[in-house]
Amino acid sequence: MTTIAITTEFIKLQDLLKFASIASTGGEAKIMVQEGEVTVNGEVCTQRGKKIRPGDDVAIGGEHFTVSYAD
């Protein structure tokens, strides 16, 4: 599991995919989410603007990512 550190209250799902280098563009992230390739906390999520908060688990292609606050 990879941890992504953020300095804000949340990060949008599509931005997380770009920030973690899973998607190279916003368009690619949009397609991944709309096609149901991404799960958030174990459930398929098709909302690319979904707010991901510290402690949430995002999975795609067998990889898991979690968000935490930067120190």
Protein backbone atom coordinates (compact mmCIF):
# COMPACT_ATOMS: atom_id res chain seq x y z
CA MET A 1 0.00 0.00 0.00
CA THR A 2 1.30 3.41 -0.98
CA THR A 3 0.58 6.44 1.20
CA ILE A 4 -0.08 9.80 -0.46
CA ALA A 5 0.50 12.83 1.78
CA ILE A 6 -1.78 15.83 1.33
CA THR A 7 -1.85 19.27 2.95
CA THR A 8 -5.56 19.93 2.41
CA GLU A 9 -8.69 18.47 4.00
CA PHE A 10 -9.28 16.14 1.03
CA ILE A 11 -8.18 15.38 -2.53
CA LYS A 12 -10.53 14.60 -5.40
CA LEU A 13 -10.30 11.07 -6.75
CA GLN A 14 -9.21 12.12 -10.24
CA ASP A 15 -6.52 14.38 -8.75
CA LEU A 16 -5.26 11.53 -6.57
CA LEU A 17 -4.91 9.30 -9.64
CA LYS A 18 -2.85 11.98 -11.38
CA PHE A 19 -0.81 12.86 -8.27
CA ALA A 20 0.05 9.19 -7.68
CA SER A 21 1.08 8.84 -11.36
CA ILE A 22 -1.59 6.21 -12.01
CA ALA A 23 -3.08 8.39 -14.73
CA SER A 24 -0.94 10.69 -16.83
CA THR A 25 -3.79 13.09 -17.67
CA GLY A 26 -7.12 14.16 -16.28
CA GLY A 27 -8.82 12.56 -19.27
CA GLU A 28 -7.19 9.23 -18.54
CA ALA A 29 -8.24 9.47 -14.88
CA LYS A 30 -11.80 10.29 -15.95
CA ILE A 31 -11.98 7.18 -18.14
CA MET A 32 -10.58 4.91 -15.41
CA VAL A 33 -13.17 6.14 -12.93
CA GLN A 34 -16.13 6.12 -15.34
CA GLU A 35 -15.32 2.57 -16.47
CA GLY A 36 -15.46 1.34 -12.87
CA GLU A 37 -11.76 0.45 -12.61
CA VAL A 38 -11.35 2.23 -9.26
CA THR A 39 -12.61 1.23 -5.82
CA VAL A 40 -12.81 3.47 -2.79
CA ASN A 41 -12.97 1.68 0.55
CA GLY A 42 -13.84 -1.58 -1.23
CA GLU A 43 -16.68 -0.23 -3.39
CA VAL A 44 -16.56 0.67 -7.08
CA CYS A 45 -16.62 4.46 -7.42
CA THR A 46 -17.66 6.21 -10.63
CA GLN A 47 -17.53 9.75 -9.20
CA ARG A 48 -14.27 11.30 -10.34
CA GLY A 49 -14.83 14.26 -7.99
CA LYS A 50 -15.27 12.00 -4.95
CA LYS A 51 -13.54 13.52 -1.94
CA ILE A 52 -10.81 11.23 -0.68
CA ARG A 53 -9.90 11.91 2.94
CA PRO A 54 -7.11 10.59 5.14
CA GLY A 55 -7.68 6.92 5.92
CA ASP A 56 -9.59 6.16 2.72
CA ASP A 57 -8.37 3.21 0.65
CA VAL A 58 -8.25 3.64 -3.14
CA ALA A 59 -7.48 0.59 -5.28
CA ILE A 60 -6.86 0.17 -8.98
CA GLY A 61 -5.23 -2.68 -10.85
CA GLY A 62 -4.28 -4.51 -7.66
CA GLU A 63 -2.51 -1.48 -6.19
CA HIS A 64 -3.78 0.20 -3.03
CA PHE A 65 -3.30 3.82 -2.05
CA THR A 66 -4.21 5.61 1.13
CA VAL A 67 -4.16 9.29 2.00
CA SER A 68 -2.64 10.90 5.09
CA TYR A 69 -1.97 14.44 6.19
CA ALA A 70 1.54 15.71 5.52
CA ASP A 71 3.50 16.44 8.69
